[in-house]
Amino acid sequence: QVQLVESGGGLVQAGGSLNLSCLASGLTFDDYAMTWFRQVPGKEREGVACISWSGANTFYAESVKGRFTISQDDAQHNVYLQMDGLKPEDTAMYYCAAVGYGVEACSLEAWAYTNWGQGIQVTVSS
């Protein structure tokens, strides 16, 4: 059974940084694409950044390009989201998600993902 547990969220001032972690169990990164999503109340879940199973391919939402970096540590079964230059509009619940992919690719579409973490709050004050 796949389990995903997020950590590293919290409150930060605008312009600051946070590094989110997602500890994955029950899967091997060789088989799975990993993605970070975020959601604010009343809005759809938004794909923020994804990474293919080998780490060779990454994709970012336009709103976070140049500020966020996704990476993974295969040995520790962690996926990270380094968030720099945070803005108040980055405030949201952040979720880690995983899906088994047979190709070297990933998606920012929520419907494509079958495994989700419980989410962690990120709040950016102005």
Protein backbone atom coordinates (compact mmCIF):
# COMPACT_ATOMS: atom_id res chain seq x y z
CA GLN A 1 0.00 0.00 0.00
CA VAL A 2 1.36 3.38 -1.04
CA GLN A 3 1.65 5.96 1.71
CA LEU A 4 2.75 9.57 1.28
CA VAL A 5 3.49 11.84 4.24
CA GLU A 6 4.23 15.54 3.79
CA SER A 7 6.28 17.69 6.15
CA GLY A 8 8.02 21.06 6.23
CA GLY A 9 5.07 23.40 5.91
CA GLY A 10 4.35 26.39 8.13
CA LEU A 11 4.17 30.16 8.29
CA VAL A 12 6.72 32.32 6.48
CA GLN A 13 6.98 35.96 5.47
CA ALA A 14 6.77 37.01 1.85
CA GLY A 15 10.12 36.57 0.14
CA GLY A 16 11.08 33.71 2.42
CA SER A 17 11.67 30.02 1.73
CA LEU A 18 10.32 26.65 2.76
CA ASN A 19 11.36 23.13 1.79
CA LEU A 20 8.55 20.61 1.72
CA SER A 21 9.28 16.89 1.98
CA CYS A 22 7.18 13.91 0.97
CA LEU A 23 8.19 10.58 2.45
CA ALA A 24 6.96 7.74 0.25
CA SER A 25 6.49 4.12 1.26
CA GLY A 26 5.04 1.16 -0.56
CA LEU A 27 6.47 2.22 -3.92
CA THR A 28 9.74 2.54 -5.76
CA PHE A 29 10.62 5.72 -7.60
CA ASP A 30 11.60 3.57 -10.59
CA ASP A 31 7.92 3.07 -11.29
CA TYR A 32 6.27 6.30 -10.18
CA ALA A 33 5.93 9.91 -11.22
CA MET A 34 5.67 12.28 -8.25
CA THR A 35 3.93 15.62 -8.13
CA TRP A 36 3.18 18.46 -5.73
CA PHE A 37 -0.28 20.01 -5.84
CA ARG A 38 -1.83 22.82 -3.89
CA GLN A 39 -5.37 23.87 -3.10
CA VAL A 40 -7.12 26.80 -1.48
CA PRO A 41 -10.72 26.61 -0.28
CA GLY A 42 -13.22 27.05 -3.07
CA LYS A 43 -10.71 26.43 -5.84
CA GLU A 44 -9.61 23.40 -7.81
CA ARG A 45 -6.45 21.53 -6.91
CA GLU A 46 -3.54 22.96 -8.90
CA GLY A 47 -0.50 21.05 -10.09
CA VAL A 48 2.64 22.91 -8.97
CA ALA A 49 5.60 20.72 -9.96
CA CYS A 50 6.17 17.14 -11.06
CA ILE A 51 9.13 14.84 -11.59
CA SER A 52 9.39 11.70 -13.70
CA TRP A 53 10.48 8.39 -12.24
CA SER A 54 14.18 8.82 -12.96
CA GLY A 55 14.22 12.53 -12.18
CA ALA A 56 15.21 13.31 -15.76
CA ASN A 57 12.06 15.31 -16.50
CA THR A 58 10.47 18.02 -14.40
CA PHE A 59 7.60 20.38 -15.13
CA TYR A 60 6.35 23.44 -13.32
CA ALA A 61 3.25 25.57 -13.27
CA GLU A 62 3.88 28.99 -14.80
CA SER A 63 3.08 30.64 -11.49
CA VAL A 64 6.05 29.01 -9.74
CA LYS A 65 8.68 28.72 -12.49
CA GLY A 66 12.01 30.10 -11.38
CA ARG A 67 10.98 30.06 -7.71
CA PHE A 68 10.17 26.41 -6.90
CA THR A 69 12.37 23.35 -7.47
CA ILE A 70 11.27 19.73 -7.27
CA SER A 71 13.78 16.97 -6.59
CA GLN A 72 13.90 13.44 -5.26
CA ASP A 73 16.18 11.30 -3.16
CA ASP A 74 15.75 7.71 -4.28
CA ALA A 75 17.69 6.23 -1.38
CA GLN A 76 15.61 8.04 1.23
CA HIS A 77 12.33 7.76 -0.70
CA ASN A 78 11.75 11.47 -0.40
CA VAL A 79 10.47 14.03 -2.85
CA TYR A 80 11.21 17.66 -2.08
CA LEU A 81 9.75 20.98 -3.09
CA GLN A 82 12.13 23.85 -2.45
CA MET A 83 10.09 27.05 -2.44
CA ASP A 84 11.94 30.34 -2.67
CA GLY A 85 10.67 33.88 -3.13
CA LEU A 86 7.35 32.94 -1.57
CA LYS A 87 4.36 35.18 -2.18
CA PRO A 88 1.07 35.51 -0.28
CA GLU A 89 -0.69 33.91 -3.25
CA ASP A 90 1.35 30.73 -2.61
CA THR A 91 -0.68 30.21 0.57
CA ALA A 92 -2.47 26.87 0.26
CA MET A 93 -2.66 23.29 1.42
CA TYR A 94 0.10 21.40 -0.38
CA TYR A 95 -0.29 17.74 -1.34
CA CYS A 96 2.15 15.12 -2.54
CA ALA A 97 0.83 12.65 -5.14
CA ALA A 98 2.15 9.60 -6.96
CA VAL A 99 1.11 7.52 -9.94
CA GLY A 100 2.64 4.52 -11.65
CA TYR A 101 3.87 5.54 -15.10
CA GLY A 102 5.32 3.28 -17.76
CA VAL A 103 7.07 6.17 -19.47
CA GLU A 104 9.57 8.83 -18.49
CA ALA A 105 6.99 11.55 -17.92
CA CYS A 106 4.77 13.22 -15.37
CA SER A 107 1.61 15.29 -15.31
CA LEU A 108 0.28 18.33 -13.46
CA GLU A 109 -3.31 17.09 -13.84
CA ALA A 110 -4.89 15.93 -10.58
CA TRP A 111 -7.13 13.37 -12.28
CA ALA A 112 -4.03 11.38 -13.33
CA TYR A 113 -2.98 10.59 -9.75
CA THR A 114 -4.10 7.65 -7.68
CA ASN A 115 -2.15 8.12 -4.46
CA TRP A 116 -2.28 11.22 -2.25
CA GLY A 117 -0.80 12.45 1.00
CA GLN A 118 -2.88 14.11 3.70
CA GLY A 119 -1.61 17.58 2.86
CA ILE A 120 0.30 20.24 4.75
CA GLN A 121 -0.46 23.93 5.19
CA VAL A 122 1.79 26.65 3.81
CA THR A 123 0.95 30.22 4.81
CA VAL A 124 2.82 33.23 3.43
CA SER A 125 2.24 36.53 5.21
CA SER A 126 2.59 39.88 3.46
